[in-house]
Amino acid sequence: MKSKKKILEYLSQNQLWDKKKTIARNEFIKVSGTTDTNIYYINSGSLRIFVIDEDEEHTIRFGYQDNIIVSLDSFITEKPSDLYIQAIKKTELSIIKKESFMQIINHSEDFKNAWIQNLQDLILQQMERERDLLTSSPLERYKRVLARSPQLFQEIPNKYIASYLRMTAETLSRIKKV
């Protein structure tokens, strides 16, 4: 997580954010079929990234205060993706465009190394999540997420956490009582 802090400090100290934006609860900053190469820093509020499969939403990731969130597939390929990014509550964002971000990476070896470390951390987190979904019981998934991200349970409504954990809201409610 030192890499994320380094990236944020550099962008803020050098006033490199392209713009700031406030989005309302339930507003989308990205919908399926669109390309979004922006990087978002969440000053306040919360977002979720999800996909829709056969009319069912599957939450992939959350972002809340002091997090960076990006449609990584679209950012890397510069092509449309099936991801949605939606505000869970009123959210204030700082935004940097990919072009601006890449200029910084190309001129600062330290910044580039911090970005690479941040991506490596993200990959490891995703691998751990996939392993949890494939091999752990709902109770084990809940406990691991609670240990990893206790703030999640203060910031995000249960229905979205349940989707993220691949269980019903009722199952999550029962597990939380144990």
C-alpha atoms as a PDB file:
ATOM      1  CA  MET A   1       0.000   0.000   0.000  1.00  0.00           C
ATOM      2  CA  LYS A   2       3.014   2.293   0.179  1.00  0.00           C
ATOM      3  CA  SER A   3       2.910   2.479  -3.616  1.00  0.00           C
ATOM      4  CA  LYS A   4      -0.641   3.872  -3.630  1.00  0.00           C
ATOM      5  CA  LYS A   5       0.322   6.476  -1.046  1.00  0.00           C
ATOM      6  CA  LYS A   6       3.363   7.470  -3.084  1.00  0.00           C
ATOM      7  CA  ILE A   7       1.256   7.864  -6.245  1.00  0.00           C
ATOM      8  CA  LEU A   8      -1.377   9.943  -4.456  1.00  0.00           C
ATOM      9  CA  GLU A   9       1.171  12.183  -2.745  1.00  0.00           C
ATOM     10  CA  TYR A  10       2.970  12.848  -6.023  1.00  0.00           C
ATOM     11  CA  LEU A  11      -0.240  13.683  -7.909  1.00  0.00           C
ATOM     12  CA  SER A  12      -1.567  15.932  -5.132  1.00  0.00           C
ATOM     13  CA  GLN A  13       1.688  17.731  -4.294  1.00  0.00           C
ATOM     14  CA  ASN A  14       2.266  18.539  -7.951  1.00  0.00           C
ATOM     15  CA  GLN A  15      -1.414  19.382  -8.569  1.00  0.00           C
ATOM     16  CA  LEU A  16      -1.604  16.937 -11.466  1.00  0.00           C
ATOM     17  CA  TRP A  17      -5.269  15.946 -11.211  1.00  0.00           C
ATOM     18  CA  ASP A  18      -7.026  16.946 -14.440  1.00  0.00           C
ATOM     19  CA  LYS A  19     -10.344  17.734 -12.760  1.00  0.00           C
ATOM     20  CA  LYS A  20     -12.652  17.142  -9.822  1.00  0.00           C
ATOM     21  CA  LYS A  21     -16.199  15.875 -10.066  1.00  0.00           C
ATOM     22  CA  THR A  22     -19.082  15.152  -7.724  1.00  0.00           C
ATOM     23  CA  ILE A  23     -21.497  12.405  -8.686  1.00  0.00           C
ATOM     24  CA  ALA A  24     -24.849  11.669  -7.132  1.00  0.00           C
ATOM     25  CA  ARG A  25     -25.909   8.429  -5.494  1.00  0.00           C
ATOM     26  CA  ASN A  26     -26.638   5.725  -8.111  1.00  0.00           C
ATOM     27  CA  GLU A  27     -25.041   7.802 -10.911  1.00  0.00           C
ATOM     28  CA  PHE A  28     -22.742   5.927 -13.282  1.00  0.00           C
ATOM     29  CA  ILE A  29     -19.284   7.072 -14.310  1.00  0.00           C
ATOM     30  CA  LYS A  30     -18.963   4.112 -16.663  1.00  0.00           C
ATOM     31  CA  VAL A  31     -21.490   1.759 -18.261  1.00  0.00           C
ATOM     32  CA  SER A  32     -21.086  -1.469 -20.201  1.00  0.00           C
ATOM     33  CA  GLY A  33     -19.955  -1.010 -23.779  1.00  0.00           C
ATOM     34  CA  THR A  34     -18.031   2.205 -23.128  1.00  0.00           C
ATOM     35  CA  THR A  35     -14.345   2.994 -22.897  1.00  0.00           C
ATOM     36  CA  ASP A  36     -13.047   4.753 -19.775  1.00  0.00           C
ATOM     37  CA  THR A  37      -9.319   5.333 -19.364  1.00  0.00           C
ATOM     38  CA  ASN A  38      -9.551   7.735 -16.419  1.00  0.00           C
ATOM     39  CA  ILE A  39      -8.088   7.032 -13.004  1.00  0.00           C
ATOM     40  CA  TYR A  40     -10.324   8.130 -10.139  1.00  0.00           C
ATOM     41  CA  TYR A  41      -9.306   9.029  -6.603  1.00  0.00           C
ATOM     42  CA  ILE A  42     -12.189   8.948  -4.154  1.00  0.00           C
ATOM     43  CA  ASN A  43     -12.082  12.013  -1.886  1.00  0.00           C
ATOM     44  CA  SER A  44     -15.356  11.006  -0.236  1.00  0.00           C
ATOM     45  CA  GLY A  45     -18.210   8.613  -0.897  1.00  0.00           C
ATOM     46  CA  SER A  46     -18.118   5.130  -2.403  1.00  0.00           C
ATOM     47  CA  LEU A  47     -18.286   3.363  -5.759  1.00  0.00           C
ATOM     48  CA  ARG A  48     -18.738  -0.159  -6.981  1.00  0.00           C
ATOM     49  CA  ILE A  49     -17.553  -1.941 -10.098  1.00  0.00           C
ATOM     50  CA  PHE A  50     -19.856  -4.655 -11.385  1.00  0.00           C
ATOM     51  CA  VAL A  51     -20.947  -6.637 -14.421  1.00  0.00           C
ATOM     52  CA  ILE A  52     -24.374  -7.883 -15.406  1.00  0.00           C
ATOM     53  CA  ASP A  53     -24.810 -11.510 -16.446  1.00  0.00           C
ATOM     54  CA  GLU A  54     -28.265 -12.734 -17.417  1.00  0.00           C
ATOM     55  CA  ASP A  55     -29.909  -9.820 -15.577  1.00  0.00           C
ATOM     56  CA  GLU A  56     -27.909 -10.505 -12.389  1.00  0.00           C
ATOM     57  CA  GLU A  57     -25.389  -8.000 -11.065  1.00  0.00           C
ATOM     58  CA  HIS A  58     -22.010  -9.332  -9.913  1.00  0.00           C
ATOM     59  CA  THR A  59     -19.977  -6.900  -7.839  1.00  0.00           C
ATOM     60  CA  ILE A  60     -16.262  -7.152  -8.561  1.00  0.00           C
ATOM     61  CA  ARG A  61     -14.715  -4.342  -6.552  1.00  0.00           C
ATOM     62  CA  PHE A  62     -15.468  -1.414  -4.268  1.00  0.00           C
ATOM     63  CA  GLY A  63     -13.842   1.926  -3.786  1.00  0.00           C
ATOM     64  CA  TYR A  64     -14.320   4.324  -0.911  1.00  0.00           C
ATOM     65  CA  GLN A  65     -12.536   7.310   0.601  1.00  0.00           C
ATOM     66  CA  ASP A  66      -8.787   7.396  -0.139  1.00  0.00           C
ATOM     67  CA  ASN A  67      -9.022   4.623  -2.762  1.00  0.00           C
ATOM     68  CA  ILE A  68      -8.060   4.670  -6.411  1.00  0.00           C
ATOM     69  CA  ILE A  69     -10.516   3.066  -8.773  1.00  0.00           C
ATOM     70  CA  VAL A  70     -10.219   2.432 -12.494  1.00  0.00           C
ATOM     71  CA  SER A  71     -11.832   0.325 -15.191  1.00  0.00           C
ATOM     72  CA  LEU A  72      -8.531  -1.490 -15.560  1.00  0.00           C
ATOM     73  CA  ASP A  73      -9.436  -3.523 -18.644  1.00  0.00           C
ATOM     74  CA  SER A  74     -10.531  -0.398 -20.513  1.00  0.00           C
ATOM     75  CA  PHE A  75      -7.567   1.589 -19.169  1.00  0.00           C
ATOM     76  CA  ILE A  76      -5.078  -0.985 -20.479  1.00  0.00           C
ATOM     77  CA  THR A  77      -6.699  -1.815 -23.831  1.00  0.00           C
ATOM     78  CA  GLU A  78      -8.360   1.552 -24.537  1.00  0.00           C
ATOM     79  CA  LYS A  79     -11.367  -0.436 -25.745  1.00  0.00           C
ATOM     80  CA  PRO A  80     -14.943  -0.751 -24.484  1.00  0.00           C
ATOM     81  CA  SER A  81     -15.546  -3.134 -21.602  1.00  0.00           C
ATOM     82  CA  ASP A  82     -18.576  -4.694 -19.951  1.00  0.00           C
ATOM     83  CA  LEU A  83     -17.877  -3.094 -16.568  1.00  0.00           C
ATOM     84  CA  TYR A  84     -20.114  -0.599 -14.814  1.00  0.00           C
ATOM     85  CA  ILE A  85     -18.849   1.882 -12.222  1.00  0.00           C
ATOM     86  CA  GLN A  86     -21.616   3.350 -10.084  1.00  0.00           C
ATOM     87  CA  ALA A  87     -21.764   5.624  -7.050  1.00  0.00           C
ATOM     88  CA  ILE A  88     -23.226   3.927  -3.999  1.00  0.00           C
ATOM     89  CA  LYS A  89     -23.600   7.324  -2.346  1.00  0.00           C
ATOM     90  CA  LYS A  90     -22.712  10.897  -3.259  1.00  0.00           C
ATOM     91  CA  THR A  91     -19.046  10.736  -4.242  1.00  0.00           C
ATOM     92  CA  GLU A  92     -16.389  13.376  -4.783  1.00  0.00           C
ATOM     93  CA  LEU A  93     -13.641  12.367  -7.195  1.00  0.00           C
ATOM     94  CA  SER A  94     -10.313  13.662  -8.420  1.00  0.00           C
ATOM     95  CA  ILE A  95      -9.692  12.491 -11.976  1.00  0.00           C
ATOM     96  CA  ILE A  96      -6.578  12.096 -14.082  1.00  0.00           C
ATOM     97  CA  LYS A  97      -6.709  11.127 -17.734  1.00  0.00           C
ATOM     98  CA  LYS A  98      -4.580   8.261 -18.991  1.00  0.00           C
ATOM     99  CA  GLU A  99      -2.618  10.583 -21.277  1.00  0.00           C
ATOM    100  CA  SER A 100      -1.617  12.806 -18.347  1.00  0.00           C
ATOM    101  CA  PHE A 101      -0.848   9.795 -16.176  1.00  0.00           C
ATOM    102  CA  MET A 102       1.353   8.171 -18.828  1.00  0.00           C
ATOM    103  CA  GLN A 103       3.324  11.404 -19.286  1.00  0.00           C
ATOM    104  CA  ILE A 104       4.158  11.305 -15.581  1.00  0.00           C
ATOM    105  CA  ILE A 105       5.147   7.627 -15.766  1.00  0.00           C
ATOM    106  CA  ASN A 106       7.401   8.330 -18.746  1.00  0.00           C
ATOM    107  CA  HIS A 107       9.196  11.138 -16.889  1.00  0.00           C
ATOM    108  CA  SER A 108       9.543   9.680 -13.396  1.00  0.00           C
ATOM    109  CA  GLU A 109      11.144   6.318 -12.716  1.00  0.00           C
ATOM    110  CA  ASP A 110      10.019   6.436  -9.050  1.00  0.00           C
ATOM    111  CA  PHE A 111       6.421   7.103 -10.071  1.00  0.00           C
ATOM    112  CA  LYS A 112       6.565   4.336 -12.677  1.00  0.00           C
ATOM    113  CA  ASN A 113       7.895   1.871 -10.088  1.00  0.00           C
ATOM    114  CA  ALA A 114       5.155   2.873  -7.635  1.00  0.00           C
ATOM    115  CA  TRP A 115       2.516   2.281 -10.349  1.00  0.00           C
ATOM    116  CA  ILE A 116       3.971  -1.139 -11.185  1.00  0.00           C
ATOM    117  CA  GLN A 117       3.967  -2.083  -7.492  1.00  0.00           C
ATOM    118  CA  ASN A 118       0.370  -0.876  -7.192  1.00  0.00           C
ATOM    119  CA  LEU A 119      -0.657  -3.058 -10.156  1.00  0.00           C
ATOM    120  CA  GLN A 120       1.160  -6.052  -8.664  1.00  0.00           C
ATOM    121  CA  ASP A 121      -0.700  -5.536  -5.371  1.00  0.00           C
ATOM    122  CA  LEU A 122      -3.988  -5.372  -7.274  1.00  0.00           C
ATOM    123  CA  ILE A 123      -3.220  -8.607  -9.128  1.00  0.00           C
ATOM    124  CA  LEU A 124      -2.431 -10.402  -5.864  1.00  0.00           C
ATOM    125  CA  GLN A 125      -5.658  -9.116  -4.300  1.00  0.00           C
ATOM    126  CA  GLN A 126      -7.658 -10.360  -7.275  1.00  0.00           C
ATOM    127  CA  MET A 127      -5.976 -13.766  -7.138  1.00  0.00           C
ATOM    128  CA  GLU A 128      -6.758 -14.060  -3.429  1.00  0.00           C
ATOM    129  CA  ARG A 129     -10.392 -13.110  -4.106  1.00  0.00           C
ATOM    130  CA  GLU A 130     -10.701 -15.673  -6.901  1.00  0.00           C
ATOM    131  CA  ARG A 131      -9.243 -18.368  -4.674  1.00  0.00           C
ATOM    132  CA  ASP A 132     -11.702 -17.439  -1.920  1.00  0.00           C
ATOM    133  CA  LEU A 133     -14.657 -17.630  -4.296  1.00  0.00           C
ATOM    134  CA  LEU A 134     -13.580 -21.000  -5.663  1.00  0.00           C
ATOM    135  CA  THR A 135     -12.480 -22.788  -2.499  1.00  0.00           C
ATOM    136  CA  SER A 136     -14.003 -21.136   0.579  1.00  0.00           C
ATOM    137  CA  SER A 137     -17.372 -21.477   2.236  1.00  0.00           C
ATOM    138  CA  PRO A 138     -19.570 -18.365   2.542  1.00  0.00           C
ATOM    139  CA  LEU A 139     -18.592 -18.038   6.226  1.00  0.00           C
ATOM    140  CA  GLU A 140     -14.875 -18.254   5.394  1.00  0.00           C
ATOM    141  CA  ARG A 141     -15.258 -15.671   2.594  1.00  0.00           C
ATOM    142  CA  TYR A 142     -17.034 -13.318   4.982  1.00  0.00           C
ATOM    143  CA  LYS A 143     -14.350 -13.700   7.666  1.00  0.00           C
ATOM    144  CA  ARG A 144     -11.502 -13.148   5.210  1.00  0.00           C
ATOM    145  CA  VAL A 145     -13.067 -10.009   3.745  1.00  0.00           C
ATOM    146  CA  LEU A 146     -13.852  -8.710   7.226  1.00  0.00           C
ATOM    147  CA  ALA A 147     -10.213  -9.239   8.262  1.00  0.00           C
ATOM    148  CA  ARG A 148      -8.865  -7.720   5.025  1.00  0.00           C
ATOM    149  CA  SER A 149     -11.230  -4.750   4.764  1.00  0.00           C
ATOM    150  CA  PRO A 150     -13.175  -3.980   7.943  1.00  0.00           C
ATOM    151  CA  GLN A 151     -13.973  -0.492   6.612  1.00  0.00           C
ATOM    152  CA  LEU A 152     -15.982  -2.131   3.836  1.00  0.00           C
ATOM    153  CA  PHE A 153     -18.711  -3.034   6.331  1.00  0.00           C
ATOM    154  CA  GLN A 154     -19.047   0.600   7.443  1.00  0.00           C
ATOM    155  CA  GLU A 155     -19.064   2.061   3.924  1.00  0.00           C
ATOM    156  CA  ILE A 156     -20.983  -0.388   1.746  1.00  0.00           C
ATOM    157  CA  PRO A 157     -24.601  -1.634   2.049  1.00  0.00           C
ATOM    158  CA  ASN A 158     -25.035  -5.357   2.736  1.00  0.00           C
ATOM    159  CA  LYS A 159     -26.748  -6.088  -0.591  1.00  0.00           C
ATOM    160  CA  TYR A 160     -23.578  -5.078  -2.472  1.00  0.00           C
ATOM    161  CA  ILE A 161     -21.274  -6.902  -0.054  1.00  0.00           C
ATOM    162  CA  ALA A 162     -23.394 -10.029  -0.496  1.00  0.00           C
ATOM    163  CA  SER A 163     -23.050  -9.738  -4.278  1.00  0.00           C
ATOM    164  CA  TYR A 164     -19.279  -9.308  -3.896  1.00  0.00           C
ATOM    165  CA  LEU A 165     -19.119 -12.412  -1.679  1.00  0.00           C
ATOM    166  CA  ARG A 166     -21.352 -14.370  -4.099  1.00  0.00           C
ATOM    167  CA  MET A 167     -24.147 -15.002  -1.639  1.00  0.00           C
ATOM    168  CA  THR A 168     -27.641 -13.725  -1.001  1.00  0.00           C
ATOM    169  CA  ALA A 169     -28.248 -10.796   1.315  1.00  0.00           C
ATOM    170  CA  GLU A 170     -30.133 -13.205   3.606  1.00  0.00           C
ATOM    171  CA  THR A 171     -27.119 -15.532   3.843  1.00  0.00           C
ATOM    172  CA  LEU A 172     -24.857 -12.589   4.662  1.00  0.00           C
ATOM    173  CA  SER A 173     -27.278 -11.438   7.344  1.00  0.00           C
ATOM    174  CA  ARG A 174     -27.315 -14.916   8.944  1.00  0.00           C
ATOM    175  CA  ILE A 175     -23.512 -15.168   8.823  1.00  0.00           C
ATOM    176  CA  LYS A 176     -23.070 -11.756  10.451  1.00  0.00           C
ATOM    177  CA  LYS A 177     -25.157 -12.953  13.402  1.00  0.00           C
ATOM    178  CA  VAL A 178     -22.847 -15.932  14.057  1.00  0.00           C
END
